[in-house]
Each structure stands twice: as structure tokens, then as C-alpha cells.
Amino acid sequence: MKLEILGTGCTKCKRMYDNVTEAVKKAGLQTEVVKVEELNEIVSRGVLMTPSLFKDGEEVVAGRVPTVNEIIEILQGA
């Protein structure tokens, strides 16, 4: 599984990254977590609102910071 946080480095983007890494640790998963801050890459993905969370290339959250528990549910496929 690959998780990507797309955002320009704002406070919300950093908070999402922290929540995602904590959720991955709590869920006991081995997954790649990547921050994408390059504006051209963000635009090329069709992201309209940041921060945005992608799971295996699919956008699963946009424009808000999900809680750690919500991210765990997303990771587990709920």
C-alpha cells in the first residue's frame, strides 16, 4: 500500500502527515507514506482542495484533515 499526502506544506498538510503516520503505526501496517508538495504534481493529479490523501493512487480524502481513527478505517478498507 502507498499513501500520499498532497499539499503545499501548510499547517493542515503537516497535521495530515502526522495523523497518517500515527495511524499507520497504530494499525501495525508496513506502508510507504509520501509527502507530495510539488505544485505541478498536485495539479496534474486533479486535486482541487488540499490537503488531499491518496491511497494506492486513488483520492480518499480532500480538503480536510481526517482523525487518526478515520485514517485507520480507510486503511482497513472500511
PDB file of N, CA and C in Angstrom:
ATOM      1  N   MET A   1       0.843  -1.177   0.000  1.00  0.00           N
ATOM      2  CA  MET A   1       0.000   0.000   0.000  1.00  0.00           C
ATOM      3  C   MET A   1       0.885   1.235   0.000  1.00  0.00           C
ATOM      4  N   LYS A   2       0.466   2.239  -0.745  1.00  0.00           N
ATOM      5  CA  LYS A   2       1.195   3.502  -0.791  1.00  0.00           C
ATOM      6  C   LYS A   2       0.228   4.622  -0.440  1.00  0.00           C
ATOM      7  N   LEU A   3       0.616   5.443   0.528  1.00  0.00           N
ATOM      8  CA  LEU A   3      -0.179   6.594   0.934  1.00  0.00           C
ATOM      9  C   LEU A   3       0.575   7.856   0.571  1.00  0.00           C
ATOM     10  N   GLU A   4      -0.149   8.804  -0.029  1.00  0.00           N
ATOM     11  CA  GLU A   4       0.462  10.077  -0.414  1.00  0.00           C
ATOM     12  C   GLU A   4      -0.371  11.216   0.150  1.00  0.00           C
ATOM     13  N   ILE A   5       0.304  12.170   0.767  1.00  0.00           N
ATOM     14  CA  ILE A   5      -0.334  13.378   1.252  1.00  0.00           C
ATOM     15  C   ILE A   5       0.055  14.487   0.298  1.00  0.00           C
ATOM     16  N   LEU A   6      -0.921  15.037  -0.400  1.00  0.00           N
ATOM     17  CA  LEU A   6      -0.670  16.103  -1.362  1.00  0.00           C
ATOM     18  C   LEU A   6      -1.051  17.430  -0.739  1.00  0.00           C
ATOM     19  N   GLY A   7      -0.114  18.357  -0.734  1.00  0.00           N
ATOM     20  CA  GLY A   7      -0.337  19.687  -0.182  1.00  0.00           C
ATOM     21  C   GLY A   7       0.942  20.486  -0.258  1.00  0.00           C
ATOM     22  N   THR A   8       0.800  21.775  -0.150  1.00  0.00           N
ATOM     23  CA  THR A   8       1.938  22.664  -0.359  1.00  0.00           C
ATOM     24  C   THR A   8       2.793  22.887   0.879  1.00  0.00           C
ATOM     25  N   GLY A   9       2.492  22.185   1.957  1.00  0.00           N
ATOM     26  CA  GLY A   9       3.308  22.329   3.166  1.00  0.00           C
ATOM     27  C   GLY A   9       2.669  23.198   4.229  1.00  0.00           C
ATOM     28  N   CYS A  10       1.379  23.476   4.100  1.00  0.00           N
ATOM     29  CA  CYS A  10       0.674  24.293   5.086  1.00  0.00           C
ATOM     30  C   CYS A  10       0.502  23.523   6.395  1.00  0.00           C
ATOM     31  N   THR A  11      -0.002  24.182   7.402  1.00  0.00           N
ATOM     32  CA  THR A  11      -0.197  23.564   8.712  1.00  0.00           C
ATOM     33  C   THR A  11      -1.117  22.354   8.623  1.00  0.00           C
ATOM     34  N   LYS A  12      -2.208  22.457   7.864  1.00  0.00           N
ATOM     35  CA  LYS A  12      -3.141  21.332   7.724  1.00  0.00           C
ATOM     36  C   LYS A  12      -2.456  20.145   7.040  1.00  0.00           C
ATOM     37  N   CYS A  13      -1.628  20.427   6.056  1.00  0.00           N
ATOM     38  CA  CYS A  13      -0.916  19.363   5.340  1.00  0.00           C
ATOM     39  C   CYS A  13       0.034  18.633   6.289  1.00  0.00           C
ATOM     40  N   LYS A  14       0.729  19.385   7.114  1.00  0.00           N
ATOM     41  CA  LYS A  14       1.652  18.784   8.080  1.00  0.00           C
ATOM     42  C   LYS A  14       0.895  17.971   9.115  1.00  0.00           C
ATOM     43  N   ARG A  15      -0.268  18.475   9.553  1.00  0.00           N
ATOM     44  CA  ARG A  15      -1.081  17.749  10.526  1.00  0.00           C
ATOM     45  C   ARG A  15      -1.604  16.446   9.922  1.00  0.00           C
ATOM     46  N   MET A  16      -2.011  16.490   8.639  1.00  0.00           N
ATOM     47  CA  MET A  16      -2.470  15.261   7.993  1.00  0.00           C
ATOM     48  C   MET A  16      -1.338  14.235   7.924  1.00  0.00           C
ATOM     49  N   TYR A  17      -0.143  14.686   7.565  1.00  0.00           N
ATOM     50  CA  TYR A  17       1.005  13.775   7.504  1.00  0.00           C
ATOM     51  C   TYR A  17       1.233  13.121   8.872  1.00  0.00           C
ATOM     52  N   ASP A  18       1.188  13.929   9.928  1.00  0.00           N
ATOM     53  CA  ASP A  18       1.381  13.391  11.279  1.00  0.00           C
ATOM     54  C   ASP A  18       0.289  12.378  11.619  1.00  0.00           C
ATOM     55  N   ASN A  19      -0.960  12.688  11.283  1.00  0.00           N
ATOM     56  CA  ASN A  19      -2.072  11.774  11.569  1.00  0.00           C
ATOM     57  C   ASN A  19      -1.933  10.471  10.784  1.00  0.00           C
ATOM     58  N   VAL A  20      -1.529  10.577   9.528  1.00  0.00           N
ATOM     59  CA  VAL A  20      -1.363   9.378   8.698  1.00  0.00           C
ATOM     60  C   VAL A  20      -0.257   8.488   9.258  1.00  0.00           C
ATOM     61  N   THR A  21       0.883   9.073   9.592  1.00  0.00           N
ATOM     62  CA  THR A  21       1.981   8.259  10.117  1.00  0.00           C
ATOM     63  C   THR A  21       1.597   7.621  11.451  1.00  0.00           C
ATOM     64  N   GLU A  22       0.852   8.335  12.285  1.00  0.00           N
ATOM     65  CA  GLU A  22       0.402   7.761  13.552  1.00  0.00           C
ATOM     66  C   GLU A  22      -0.600   6.626  13.308  1.00  0.00           C
ATOM     67  N   ALA A  23      -1.504   6.811  12.344  1.00  0.00           N
ATOM     68  CA  ALA A  23      -2.497   5.777  12.025  1.00  0.00           C
ATOM     69  C   ALA A  23      -1.821   4.514  11.503  1.00  0.00           C
ATOM     70  N   VAL A  24      -0.829   4.690  10.653  1.00  0.00           N
ATOM     71  CA  VAL A  24      -0.095   3.536  10.108  1.00  0.00           C
ATOM     72  C   VAL A  24       0.585   2.772  11.246  1.00  0.00           C
ATOM     73  N   LYS A  25       1.182   3.506  12.166  1.00  0.00           N
ATOM     74  CA  LYS A  25       1.860   2.875  13.297  1.00  0.00           C
ATOM     75  C   LYS A  25       0.860   2.143  14.191  1.00  0.00           C
ATOM     76  N   LYS A  26      -0.274   2.796  14.516  1.00  0.00           N
ATOM     77  CA  LYS A  26      -1.284   2.185  15.379  1.00  0.00           C
ATOM     78  C   LYS A  26      -1.908   0.951  14.736  1.00  0.00           C
ATOM     79  N   ALA A  27      -2.078   0.988  13.422  1.00  0.00           N
ATOM     80  CA  ALA A  27      -2.678  -0.140  12.710  1.00  0.00           C
ATOM     81  C   ALA A  27      -1.680  -1.272  12.496  1.00  0.00           C
ATOM     82  N   GLY A  28      -0.403  -0.998  12.756  1.00  0.00           N
ATOM     83  CA  GLY A  28       0.630  -2.016  12.612  1.00  0.00           C
ATOM     84  C   GLY A  28       0.897  -2.393  11.166  1.00  0.00           C
ATOM     85  N   LEU A  29       0.745  -1.439  10.263  1.00  0.00           N
ATOM     86  CA  LEU A  29       0.917  -1.707   8.834  1.00  0.00           C
ATOM     87  C   LEU A  29       2.309  -1.307   8.360  1.00  0.00           C
ATOM     88  N   GLN A  30       2.775  -2.017   7.364  1.00  0.00           N
ATOM     89  CA  GLN A  30       4.006  -1.642   6.674  1.00  0.00           C
ATOM     90  C   GLN A  30       3.577  -0.990   5.369  1.00  0.00           C
ATOM     91  N   THR A  31       3.677   0.298   5.285  1.00  0.00           N
ATOM     92  CA  THR A  31       3.252   1.013   4.084  1.00  0.00           C
ATOM     93  C   THR A  31       4.144   2.218   3.855  1.00  0.00           C
ATOM     94  N   GLU A  32       4.214   2.626   2.619  1.00  0.00           N
ATOM     95  CA  GLU A  32       5.006   3.791   2.244  1.00  0.00           C
ATOM     96  C   GLU A  32       4.146   5.040   2.396  1.00  0.00           C
ATOM     97  N   VAL A  33       4.661   6.036   3.113  1.00  0.00           N
ATOM     98  CA  VAL A  33       3.964   7.307   3.288  1.00  0.00           C
ATOM     99  C   VAL A  33       4.829   8.387   2.650  1.00  0.00           C
ATOM    100  N   VAL A  34       4.238   9.106   1.684  1.00  0.00           N
ATOM    101  CA  VAL A  34       4.992  10.089   0.913  1.00  0.00           C
ATOM    102  C   VAL A  34       4.291  11.442   0.969  1.00  0.00           C
ATOM    103  N   LYS A  35       5.080  12.503   1.157  1.00  0.00           N
ATOM    104  CA  LYS A  35       4.537  13.861   1.050  1.00  0.00           C
ATOM    105  C   LYS A  35       4.809  14.370  -0.360  1.00  0.00           C
ATOM    106  N   VAL A  36       3.773  14.898  -1.004  1.00  0.00           N
ATOM    107  CA  VAL A  36       3.912  15.484  -2.332  1.00  0.00           C
ATOM    108  C   VAL A  36       3.604  16.968  -2.195  1.00  0.00           C
ATOM    109  N   GLU A  37       4.643  17.797  -2.318  1.00  0.00           N
ATOM    110  CA  GLU A  37       4.477  19.239  -2.151  1.00  0.00           C
ATOM    111  C   GLU A  37       4.685  20.008  -3.451  1.00  0.00           C
ATOM    112  N   GLU A  38       5.083  19.314  -4.503  1.00  0.00           N
ATOM    113  CA  GLU A  38       5.324  19.932  -5.810  1.00  0.00           C
ATOM    114  C   GLU A  38       3.983  20.346  -6.417  1.00  0.00           C
ATOM    115  N   LEU A  39       3.794  21.647  -6.625  1.00  0.00           N
ATOM    116  CA  LEU A  39       2.521  22.178  -7.110  1.00  0.00           C
ATOM    117  C   LEU A  39       2.111  21.579  -8.453  1.00  0.00           C
ATOM    118  N   ASN A  40       3.061  21.406  -9.356  1.00  0.00           N
ATOM    119  CA  ASN A  40       2.736  20.823 -10.662  1.00  0.00           C
ATOM    120  C   ASN A  40       2.202  19.399 -10.536  1.00  0.00           C
ATOM    121  N   GLU A  41       2.774  18.621  -9.621  1.00  0.00           N
ATOM    122  CA  GLU A  41       2.317  17.253  -9.386  1.00  0.00           C
ATOM    123  C   GLU A  41       0.906  17.253  -8.791  1.00  0.00           C
ATOM    124  N   ILE A  42       0.663  18.143  -7.849  1.00  0.00           N
ATOM    125  CA  ILE A  42      -0.655  18.242  -7.217  1.00  0.00           C
ATOM    126  C   ILE A  42      -1.714  18.583  -8.260  1.00  0.00           C
ATOM    127  N   VAL A  43      -1.425  19.569  -9.094  1.00  0.00           N
ATOM    128  CA  VAL A  43      -2.361  19.986 -10.141  1.00  0.00           C
ATOM    129  C   VAL A  43      -2.569  18.876 -11.160  1.00  0.00           C
ATOM    130  N   SER A  44      -1.503  18.179 -11.531  1.00  0.00           N
ATOM    131  CA  SER A  44      -1.613  17.117 -12.533  1.00  0.00           C
ATOM    132  C   SER A  44      -2.483  15.959 -12.054  1.00  0.00           C
ATOM    133  N   ARG A  45      -2.631  15.807 -10.735  1.00  0.00           N
ATOM    134  CA  ARG A  45      -3.481  14.747 -10.170  1.00  0.00           C
ATOM    135  C   ARG A  45      -4.953  15.169 -10.112  1.00  0.00           C
ATOM    136  N   GLY A  46      -5.229  16.439 -10.450  1.00  0.00           N
ATOM    137  CA  GLY A  46      -6.606  16.913 -10.422  1.00  0.00           C
ATOM    138  C   GLY A  46      -7.094  17.299  -9.040  1.00  0.00           C
ATOM    139  N   VAL A  47      -6.179  17.531  -8.119  1.00  0.00           N
ATOM    140  CA  VAL A  47      -6.550  17.907  -6.755  1.00  0.00           C
ATOM    141  C   VAL A  47      -7.033  19.354  -6.756  1.00  0.00           C
ATOM    142  N   LEU A  48      -8.244  19.548  -6.225  1.00  0.00           N
ATOM    143  CA  LEU A  48      -8.821  20.890  -6.165  1.00  0.00           C
ATOM    144  C   LEU A  48      -8.674  21.517  -4.789  1.00  0.00           C
ATOM    145  N   MET A  49      -8.622  20.675  -3.754  1.00  0.00           N
ATOM    146  CA  MET A  49      -8.502  21.177  -2.385  1.00  0.00           C
ATOM    147  C   MET A  49      -7.439  20.376  -1.647  1.00  0.00           C
ATOM    148  N   THR A  50      -6.573  21.083  -0.933  1.00  0.00           N
ATOM    149  CA  THR A  50      -5.555  20.417  -0.128  1.00  0.00           C
ATOM    150  C   THR A  50      -5.873  20.637   1.340  1.00  0.00           C
ATOM    151  N   PRO A  51      -5.397  19.793   2.219  1.00  0.00           N
ATOM    152  CA  PRO A  51      -4.620  18.604   1.911  1.00  0.00           C
ATOM    153  C   PRO A  51      -5.490  17.507   1.310  1.00  0.00           C
ATOM    154  N   SER A  52      -4.824  16.615   0.613  1.00  0.00           N
ATOM    155  CA  SER A  52      -5.504  15.504  -0.028  1.00  0.00           C
ATOM    156  C   SER A  52      -4.732  14.230   0.285  1.00  0.00           C
ATOM    157  N   LEU A  53      -5.477  13.159   0.555  1.00  0.00           N
ATOM    158  CA  LEU A  53      -4.858  11.872   0.864  1.00  0.00           C
ATOM    159  C   LEU A  53      -5.187  10.882  -0.239  1.00  0.00           C
ATOM    160  N   PHE A  54      -4.133  10.284  -0.792  1.00  0.00           N
ATOM    161  CA  PHE A  54      -4.287   9.262  -1.826  1.00  0.00           C
ATOM    162  C   PHE A  54      -3.855   7.922  -1.252  1.00  0.00           C
ATOM    163  N   LYS A  55      -4.654   6.895  -1.517  1.00  0.00           N
ATOM    164  CA  LYS A  55      -4.321   5.520  -1.131  1.00  0.00           C
ATOM    165  C   LYS A  55      -4.191   4.725  -2.415  1.00  0.00           C
ATOM    166  N   ASP A  56      -3.004   4.237  -2.699  1.00  0.00           N
ATOM    167  CA  ASP A  56      -2.735   3.469  -3.921  1.00  0.00           C
ATOM    168  C   ASP A  56      -3.231   4.188  -5.174  1.00  0.00           C
ATOM    169  N   GLY A  57      -2.957   5.507  -5.242  1.00  0.00           N
ATOM    170  CA  GLY A  57      -3.281   6.275  -6.432  1.00  0.00           C
ATOM    171  C   GLY A  57      -4.696   6.817  -6.512  1.00  0.00           C
ATOM    172  N   GLU A  58      -5.544   6.510  -5.530  1.00  0.00           N
ATOM    173  CA  GLU A  58      -6.925   6.985  -5.517  1.00  0.00           C
ATOM    174  C   GLU A  58      -7.111   7.992  -4.389  1.00  0.00           C
ATOM    175  N   GLU A  59      -7.742   9.121  -4.700  1.00  0.00           N
ATOM    176  CA  GLU A  59      -8.003  10.130  -3.678  1.00  0.00           C
ATOM    177  C   GLU A  59      -9.092   9.621  -2.732  1.00  0.00           C
ATOM    178  N   VAL A  60      -8.790   9.622  -1.420  1.00  0.00           N
ATOM    179  CA  VAL A  60      -9.752   9.142  -0.436  1.00  0.00           C
ATOM    180  C   VAL A  60     -10.210  10.236   0.527  1.00  0.00           C
ATOM    181  N   VAL A  61      -9.455  11.319   0.626  1.00  0.00           N
ATOM    182  CA  VAL A  61      -9.828  12.462   1.461  1.00  0.00           C
ATOM    183  C   VAL A  61      -9.332  13.721   0.764  1.00  0.00           C
ATOM    184  N   ALA A  62     -10.172  14.768   0.777  1.00  0.00           N
ATOM    185  CA  ALA A  62      -9.752  16.034   0.152  1.00  0.00           C
ATOM    186  C   ALA A  62     -10.268  17.217   0.958  1.00  0.00           C
ATOM    187  N   GLY A  63      -9.390  18.203   1.145  1.00  0.00           N
ATOM    188  CA  GLY A  63      -9.780  19.471   1.720  1.00  0.00           C
ATOM    189  C   GLY A  63      -9.979  19.514   3.217  1.00  0.00           C
ATOM    190  N   ARG A  64      -9.588  18.463   3.912  1.00  0.00           N
ATOM    191  CA  ARG A  64      -9.728  18.446   5.370  1.00  0.00           C
ATOM    192  C   ARG A  64      -8.709  17.479   5.966  1.00  0.00           C
ATOM    193  N   VAL A  65      -8.565  17.544   7.288  1.00  0.00           N
ATOM    194  CA  VAL A  65      -7.638  16.657   7.980  1.00  0.00           C
ATOM    195  C   VAL A  65      -8.451  15.596   8.723  1.00  0.00           C
ATOM    196  N   PRO A  66      -8.392  14.353   8.286  1.00  0.00           N
ATOM    197  CA  PRO A  66      -9.120  13.285   8.976  1.00  0.00           C
ATOM    198  C   PRO A  66      -8.446  12.936  10.300  1.00  0.00           C
ATOM    199  N   THR A  67      -9.236  12.389  11.217  1.00  0.00           N
ATOM    200  CA  THR A  67      -8.693  11.954  12.505  1.00  0.00           C
ATOM    201  C   THR A  67      -7.859  10.695  12.291  1.00  0.00           C
ATOM    202  N   VAL A  68      -7.064  10.367  13.284  1.00  0.00           N
ATOM    203  CA  VAL A  68      -6.248   9.154  13.226  1.00  0.00           C
ATOM    204  C   VAL A  68      -7.156   7.934  13.076  1.00  0.00           C
ATOM    205  N   ASN A  69      -8.240   7.885  13.845  1.00  0.00           N
ATOM    206  CA  ASN A  69      -9.155   6.739  13.773  1.00  0.00           C
ATOM    207  C   ASN A  69      -9.822   6.635  12.405  1.00  0.00           C
ATOM    208  N   GLU A  70     -10.179   7.763  11.814  1.00  0.00           N
ATOM    209  CA  GLU A  70     -10.775   7.757  10.473  1.00  0.00           C
ATOM    210  C   GLU A  70      -9.784   7.218   9.446  1.00  0.00           C
ATOM    211  N   ILE A  71      -8.521   7.593   9.585  1.00  0.00           N
ATOM    212  CA  ILE A  71      -7.489   7.110   8.663  1.00  0.00           C
ATOM    213  C   ILE A  71      -7.308   5.601   8.827  1.00  0.00           C
ATOM    214  N   ILE A  72      -7.342   5.125  10.059  1.00  0.00           N
ATOM    215  CA  ILE A  72      -7.225   3.680  10.297  1.00  0.00           C
ATOM    216  C   ILE A  72      -8.358   2.950   9.585  1.00  0.00           C
ATOM    217  N   GLU A  73      -9.575   3.481   9.657  1.00  0.00           N
ATOM    218  CA  GLU A  73     -10.711   2.865   8.962  1.00  0.00           C
ATOM    219  C   GLU A  73     -10.481   2.849   7.451  1.00  0.00           C
ATOM    220  N   ILE A  74      -9.941   3.927   6.913  1.00  0.00           N
ATOM    221  CA  ILE A  74      -9.643   3.993   5.479  1.00  0.00           C
ATOM    222  C   ILE A  74      -8.593   2.928   5.120  1.00  0.00           C
ATOM    223  N   LEU A  75      -7.575   2.798   5.945  1.00  0.00           N
ATOM    224  CA  LEU A  75      -6.504   1.835   5.683  1.00  0.00           C
ATOM    225  C   LEU A  75      -7.008   0.406   5.731  1.00  0.00           C
ATOM    226  N   GLN A  76      -7.979   0.167   6.596  1.00  0.00           N
ATOM    227  CA  GLN A  76      -8.513  -1.185   6.743  1.00  0.00           C
ATOM    228  C   GLN A  76      -9.630  -1.469   5.748  1.00  0.00           C
ATOM    229  N   GLY A  77      -9.951  -0.486   4.905  1.00  0.00           N
ATOM    230  CA  GLY A  77     -10.944  -0.698   3.873  1.00  0.00           C
ATOM    231  C   GLY A  77     -12.371  -0.524   4.311  1.00  0.00           C
ATOM    232  N   ALA A  78     -12.585   0.074   5.476  1.00  0.00           N
ATOM    233  CA  ALA A  78     -13.954   0.275   5.989  1.00  0.00           C
ATOM    234  C   ALA A  78     -14.648   1.409   5.270  1.00  0.00           C
TER     235      ALA A  78
END
